[in-house]
Protein backbone atom coordinates (compact mmCIF):
# COMPACT_ATOMS: atom_id res chain seq x y z
CA MET A 1 -47.72 6.32 14.95
CA ARG A 2 -46.14 2.87 14.52
CA GLY A 3 -46.33 1.68 10.89
CA LYS A 4 -47.27 4.93 9.66
CA ARG A 5 -46.01 7.19 6.96
CA ALA A 6 -45.97 11.07 7.04
CA ALA A 7 -44.49 13.59 4.99
CA VAL A 8 -43.25 16.53 7.09
CA LEU A 9 -43.01 19.66 4.72
CA GLY A 10 -40.60 22.29 6.28
CA GLY A 11 -38.76 19.10 7.56
CA ALA A 12 -35.55 20.83 8.14
CA GLY A 13 -36.93 23.77 9.93
CA PHE A 14 -36.62 24.35 13.96
CA VAL A 15 -40.04 22.71 14.36
CA GLY A 16 -40.43 20.59 11.60
CA SER A 17 -37.11 18.73 12.38
CA HIS A 18 -38.27 17.94 15.99
CA LEU A 19 -41.27 16.81 14.60
CA CYS A 20 -39.28 14.26 12.05
CA GLU A 21 -37.51 12.94 15.60
CA ARG A 22 -40.88 12.64 17.46
CA LEU A 23 -42.46 10.62 14.68
CA LEU A 24 -39.47 8.27 14.02
CA ASP A 25 -39.36 7.57 17.78
CA ASP A 26 -42.88 6.74 17.67
CA GLY A 27 -42.33 4.07 14.73
CA ALA A 28 -43.32 6.18 11.92
CA ALA A 29 -41.68 6.51 8.48
CA VAL A 30 -40.88 10.02 7.64
CA VAL A 31 -40.24 12.07 4.32
CA ALA A 32 -38.86 15.44 5.10
CA VAL A 33 -39.71 18.10 2.45
CA ASP A 34 -37.60 21.29 2.54
CA ASN A 35 -35.76 23.71 -0.04
CA PHE A 36 -33.62 25.23 2.78
CA ILE A 37 -34.78 28.81 2.40
CA THR A 38 -34.76 29.31 6.32
CA GLY A 39 -34.26 25.37 7.24
CA ALA A 40 -30.83 23.92 7.52
CA ASP A 41 -29.44 20.60 6.69
CA GLU A 42 -27.67 20.55 9.98
CA ASN A 43 -31.15 19.91 11.59
CA LEU A 44 -31.25 16.88 10.12
CA ARG A 45 -27.89 15.65 11.12
CA THR A 46 -28.92 13.20 13.64
CA LEU A 47 -31.95 11.92 11.71
CA ARG A 48 -29.97 10.86 8.30
CA GLY A 49 -29.35 7.23 8.36
CA ARG A 50 -32.28 6.40 10.91
CA GLN A 51 -34.41 3.53 9.63
CA GLY A 52 -37.53 5.07 7.83
CA PHE A 53 -35.97 8.31 7.14
CA GLU A 54 -35.99 10.17 3.63
CA PHE A 55 -35.44 13.57 2.73
CA LEU A 56 -36.59 15.38 -0.53
CA LYS A 57 -35.25 18.92 -1.67
CA GLN A 58 -38.42 20.54 -3.03
CA ASP A 59 -39.79 24.05 -3.29
CA ILE A 60 -43.36 23.40 -2.34
CA VAL A 61 -44.38 26.37 -4.28
CA GLU A 62 -42.92 25.22 -7.69
CA GLY A 63 -44.67 21.56 -6.90
CA LEU A 64 -44.71 18.78 -4.76
CA SER A 65 -44.29 15.11 -5.18
CA VAL A 66 -43.77 12.20 -2.88
CA ALA A 67 -43.92 8.39 -3.88
CA GLY A 68 -45.79 6.05 -2.01
CA PRO A 69 -48.47 5.95 0.23
CA LEU A 70 -48.94 8.48 3.08
CA ASP A 71 -51.16 8.75 6.12
CA TYR A 72 -50.25 12.18 7.19
CA VAL A 73 -48.92 15.62 5.61
CA PHE A 74 -47.92 18.13 8.25
CA ASN A 75 -47.46 21.46 6.47
CA LEU A 76 -44.71 23.46 8.73
CA ALA A 77 -43.22 25.21 5.56
CA SER A 78 -43.01 29.10 6.02
CA PRO A 79 -40.54 31.48 6.77
CA ALA A 80 -41.39 32.21 10.79
CA SER A 81 -39.48 34.93 12.30
CA PRO A 82 -40.02 38.88 11.84
CA ILE A 83 -36.46 38.88 10.11
CA ASP A 84 -37.51 35.97 7.53
CA TYR A 85 -40.54 37.48 6.56
CA ALA A 86 -39.06 40.90 6.29
CA GLN A 87 -36.56 39.75 3.78
CA LEU A 88 -38.86 37.16 1.94
CA PRO A 89 -42.22 38.90 1.95
CA LEU A 90 -43.27 36.99 -1.41
CA GLU A 91 -41.96 33.72 -0.68
CA THR A 92 -43.87 33.97 2.48
CA LEU A 93 -47.22 34.74 0.71
CA ARG A 94 -46.73 32.27 -1.65
CA VAL A 95 -45.75 29.21 0.46
CA GLY A 96 -48.64 30.32 2.83
CA SER A 97 -51.07 30.16 -0.37
CA ILE A 98 -49.66 28.29 -3.36
CA GLY A 99 -47.42 26.03 -1.20
CA THR A 100 -50.65 24.93 1.08
CA GLU A 101 -52.54 24.49 -1.50
CA ASN A 102 -50.02 21.89 -3.07
CA GLY A 103 -49.74 20.12 0.49
CA LEU A 104 -53.51 19.71 0.35
CA ARG A 105 -53.54 17.93 -3.13
CA LEU A 106 -51.18 15.79 -1.89
CA ALA A 107 -52.98 14.58 0.94
CA GLU A 108 -56.18 14.61 -1.26
CA ALA A 109 -54.38 12.14 -3.43
CA LYS A 110 -52.85 9.97 -0.90
CA GLY A 111 -56.09 10.21 1.53
CA ALA A 112 -53.94 11.39 4.22
CA VAL A 113 -54.80 13.89 7.09
CA PHE A 114 -53.46 17.25 6.63
CA LEU A 115 -52.39 18.86 9.66
CA MET A 116 -51.68 22.77 8.71
CA ALA A 117 -49.29 24.55 11.25
CA SER A 118 -50.92 28.08 11.92
CA THR A 119 -50.03 30.78 13.97
CA SER A 120 -51.03 32.95 17.23
CA GLU A 121 -50.35 35.83 14.47
CA VAL A 122 -53.86 35.34 13.02
CA TYR A 123 -54.97 37.12 16.07
CA GLY A 124 -52.41 40.06 15.51
CA ASP A 125 -52.48 42.73 18.19
CA PRO A 126 -55.22 41.03 20.03
CA LEU A 127 -58.32 42.65 22.07
CA VAL A 128 -59.26 39.70 23.55
CA HIS A 129 -57.08 38.21 26.31
CA PRO A 130 -56.36 35.43 26.66
CA GLN A 131 -56.90 34.35 22.72
CA HIS A 132 -59.46 31.84 22.47
CA GLU A 133 -60.12 30.02 18.81
CA GLY A 134 -63.16 31.76 18.20
CA TYR A 135 -61.70 35.37 18.40
CA TYR A 136 -61.51 36.52 14.86
CA GLY A 137 -58.25 38.63 15.35
CA ASN A 138 -56.96 42.21 14.81
CA VAL A 139 -54.66 41.95 12.05
CA ASN A 140 -53.40 45.04 9.73
CA PRO A 141 -53.56 43.51 6.40
CA ILE A 142 -51.13 45.82 4.82
CA GLY A 143 -48.53 46.47 7.44
CA PRO A 144 -45.13 44.91 7.28
CA ARG A 145 -45.95 41.83 9.28
CA SER A 146 -49.15 41.23 7.17
CA VAL A 147 -47.56 38.92 4.62
CA TYR A 148 -46.89 36.33 7.50
CA ASP A 149 -50.33 37.11 9.45
CA GLU A 150 -52.41 36.93 6.00
CA ALA A 151 -50.46 33.80 4.56
CA LYS A 152 -51.51 31.91 7.66
CA ARG A 153 -55.15 33.32 7.42
CA TYR A 154 -55.47 32.15 3.99
CA ALA A 155 -53.95 28.79 4.66
CA GLU A 156 -56.27 28.30 7.16
CA ALA A 157 -59.19 29.43 4.98
CA ILE A 158 -58.02 26.97 1.95
CA THR A 159 -57.64 24.17 4.64
CA SER A 160 -60.88 24.69 5.85
CA ALA A 161 -62.43 24.75 2.12
CA TYR A 162 -60.41 21.32 0.99
CA GLY A 163 -62.09 19.67 4.24
CA ARG A 164 -65.63 21.24 3.47
CA VAL A 165 -65.75 20.79 -0.21
CA ARG A 166 -63.12 17.87 -1.11
CA GLY A 167 -63.42 15.78 2.13
CA VAL A 168 -59.74 16.10 2.97
CA LYS A 169 -59.16 15.09 6.71
CA THR A 170 -57.89 18.64 7.81
CA ARG A 171 -56.48 19.66 11.30
CA ILE A 172 -55.32 23.36 11.96
CA VAL A 173 -52.90 23.99 14.95
CA ARG A 174 -52.31 27.76 15.99
CA ILE A 175 -49.01 27.65 17.58
CA PHE A 176 -47.81 30.35 19.83
CA ASN A 177 -44.18 31.39 21.31
CA THR A 178 -42.12 28.22 20.82
CA TYR A 179 -38.42 27.95 21.67
CA GLY A 180 -35.87 25.17 22.00
CA PRO A 181 -32.70 23.77 20.35
CA ARG A 182 -32.25 24.11 16.59
CA MET A 183 -33.55 27.76 16.46
CA ARG A 184 -31.25 30.14 14.79
CA LEU A 185 -29.01 32.76 16.68
CA ASN A 186 -29.96 35.31 14.34
CA ASP A 187 -33.41 34.40 13.32
CA GLY A 188 -34.78 37.73 15.06
CA ARG A 189 -36.80 36.48 17.68
CA VAL A 190 -36.87 36.97 21.42
CA VAL A 191 -35.46 34.01 22.60
CA PRO A 192 -32.36 33.42 20.36
CA ALA A 193 -31.79 37.38 20.35
CA PHE A 194 -31.70 37.55 24.41
CA VAL A 195 -29.76 33.97 24.72
CA SER A 196 -26.99 35.03 22.24
CA GLN A 197 -26.83 38.32 23.83
CA ALA A 198 -26.17 36.79 27.25
CA LEU A 199 -23.70 34.15 26.21
CA ARG A 200 -21.67 37.20 24.84
CA GLY A 201 -22.22 39.23 27.86
CA GLU A 202 -23.71 41.98 25.86
CA ASP A 203 -26.96 44.20 26.75
CA PHE A 204 -30.46 42.80 26.32
CA SER A 205 -32.07 44.77 23.25
CA VAL A 206 -35.67 45.04 24.59
CA PHE A 207 -38.23 46.60 21.88
CA GLY A 208 -40.65 49.00 23.22
CA ASP A 209 -40.80 49.45 27.24
CA GLY A 210 -40.84 45.72 27.60
CA THR A 211 -44.28 45.35 29.03
CA GLN A 212 -45.60 43.52 26.50
CA THR A 213 -46.37 39.81 27.10
CA ARG A 214 -45.43 36.41 25.45
CA SER A 215 -45.91 32.73 26.69
CA PHE A 216 -43.24 30.61 25.72
CA CYS A 217 -43.60 26.95 24.88
CA TYR A 218 -40.76 24.33 24.80
CA VAL A 219 -40.56 22.69 21.52
CA LYS A 220 -40.87 19.13 22.87
CA ASP A 221 -44.31 19.95 24.37
CA LEU A 222 -45.56 21.64 20.94
CA VAL A 223 -44.75 18.61 19.01
CA ASP A 224 -46.39 16.61 21.23
CA GLY A 225 -49.49 18.72 20.71
CA LEU A 226 -49.16 18.59 16.88
CA VAL A 227 -49.10 14.55 17.15
CA ARG A 228 -52.03 14.54 19.35
CA LEU A 229 -54.04 16.80 17.12
CA ALA A 230 -53.01 14.95 13.78
CA GLN A 231 -54.28 11.50 15.73
CA SER A 232 -57.53 13.15 16.52
CA ASP A 233 -60.90 14.13 14.59
CA VAL A 234 -60.69 17.70 15.66
CA THR A 235 -61.35 19.56 12.43
CA ASP A 236 -61.59 23.13 14.11
CA PRO A 237 -58.71 25.28 14.89
CA VAL A 238 -56.79 24.32 18.22
CA ASN A 239 -54.37 26.71 20.31
CA ILE A 240 -50.91 25.15 21.28
CA GLY A 241 -49.07 27.00 23.42
CA ASN A 242 -47.93 27.65 27.33
CA PRO A 243 -50.36 29.73 29.15
CA ARG A 244 -47.59 31.21 31.34
CA GLU A 245 -47.66 34.69 30.66
CA MET A 246 -44.58 36.96 31.01
CA THR A 247 -43.43 40.17 30.04
CA ILE A 248 -40.37 40.77 27.95
CA LEU A 249 -38.54 42.23 30.95
CA GLN A 250 -39.41 39.28 33.10
CA PHE A 251 -37.88 36.98 30.23
CA ALA A 252 -35.00 38.82 29.98
CA GLU A 253 -33.99 38.44 33.67
CA ALA A 254 -35.08 34.47 33.55
CA VAL A 255 -32.37 34.31 30.51
CA ARG A 256 -30.13 36.36 32.53
CA ALA A 257 -30.49 33.93 35.68
CA ILE A 258 -29.95 31.04 33.70
CA ALA A 259 -27.37 31.80 31.26
CA GLY A 260 -25.24 33.78 33.87
CA GLY A 261 -24.77 36.74 31.67
CA GLY A 262 -26.03 39.75 29.80
CA GLY A 263 -25.70 43.60 30.51
CA LYS A 264 -28.18 46.11 31.09
CA ILE A 265 -31.69 46.46 29.28
CA ILE A 266 -31.59 48.61 26.21
CA HIS A 267 -34.71 49.87 24.79
CA ARG A 268 -35.24 50.11 21.16
CA PRO A 269 -38.45 51.31 19.05
CA LEU A 270 -41.44 48.91 19.00
CA PRO A 271 -41.89 47.35 15.59
CA GLN A 272 -45.31 48.42 13.83
CA ASN A 273 -48.14 46.14 15.05
CA ASP A 274 -46.17 44.12 17.30
CA PRO A 275 -48.56 42.26 19.54
CA LYS A 276 -48.80 43.94 23.07
CA GLN A 277 -50.20 40.76 24.71
CA ARG A 278 -49.90 37.08 23.85
CA GLN A 279 -51.55 34.19 26.14
CA PRO A 280 -53.04 31.05 24.77
CA ASP A 281 -56.57 29.85 26.11
CA ILE A 282 -55.73 26.23 25.80
CA SER A 283 -59.43 24.87 26.94
CA ARG A 284 -59.98 23.41 23.93
CA ALA A 285 -56.46 21.53 23.77
CA ARG A 286 -56.88 20.28 27.36
CA THR A 287 -60.44 18.95 26.64
CA LEU A 288 -59.99 17.47 23.44
CA LEU A 289 -56.47 16.19 22.88
CA GLY A 290 -55.84 16.08 26.63
CA TRP A 291 -52.80 18.11 25.90
CA GLU A 292 -50.97 21.04 28.19
CA PRO A 293 -47.42 21.68 28.42
CA ARG A 294 -45.23 20.11 30.64
CA VAL A 295 -41.75 21.35 30.63
CA PRO A 296 -41.07 24.43 32.89
CA LEU A 297 -39.68 27.39 31.21
CA GLU A 298 -36.43 26.94 33.39
CA GLU A 299 -35.98 23.23 32.33
CA GLY A 300 -36.47 24.46 28.62
CA LEU A 301 -34.26 27.38 28.78
CA ARG A 302 -31.36 25.54 30.18
CA GLU A 303 -31.88 22.89 27.41
CA THR A 304 -31.94 25.83 24.86
CA ILE A 305 -28.85 27.80 26.42
CA SER A 306 -26.89 24.35 26.28
CA TYR A 307 -27.51 24.02 22.83
CA PHE A 308 -26.51 27.40 21.74
CA ARG A 309 -23.26 27.31 23.69
CA ALA A 310 -22.17 24.04 21.94
CA ILE A 311 -22.79 25.81 18.21
CA ALA A 312 -21.04 29.21 19.45
CA ARG A 313 -18.35 27.54 20.75
CA PRO A 314 -14.99 27.55 18.10
CA PRO A 315 -14.19 24.41 16.95
CA GLY A 316 -11.53 22.57 18.90
CA GLY A 317 -12.49 25.13 21.71
CA PRO A 318 -13.12 24.40 25.32
């Protein structure tokens, strides 16, 4: 990436800020674009002032303008947690549709590679396990999760169309559950929920009976996959995630063991259309990108819990 210039849409978000950091470390110049609807200026604190870093406050639904040449456009702009897209349903649909097309137009004008950050949610509540890229999914198009699921499915469709019809160099990544520092404690996803409950000594809130499965990938592994895909010539979707599958109950116990806290398990009603199984088939990533996750869950959780402890500590506290 040395000597390249990249725009990261959603650059103040959890994954976006880590991607900005990785690109700068690799020698690229980076333009982070965000409107702070779910991103946070604090995520950019260590990036501001670094040589080659710029920030533009823009809503990519309203328009997108980046001066100068670009080699890559990474589109990570979207609400990405159940709480976010429940509270921001129309914004989620618009950024996946209008915002994605604005990003594609920018990449076309600059002759840049456009990487679309899609999601394992395009598989819905899957009937195929593990999920491979050829599986078309089992998505409820009108349920409460549909604003995110269908926004990403549409984003994949328009990205592919711009590649076929307009000759834009497109890449599509389907991201599975990712965790790490800079997640928001209150974003509703299972990692910050369990970690915050453990740190406060509260009971763990488990939706359903806890036998549903997830596969957790550390954010630095994910970002490595994004960079490898952007630099490749692979135009079809690629799963990036950790194939180590575990139940939600097992994950709660892993958090408890490392955080050293947390009470008993409290079961709550399972949200509508919540996937029962989620595990990526990463054969394409291994074969085409030479990528696989390297950070063990226990190591990643220690880093994540350390981050949450630091931000939860009162100013001037021990």
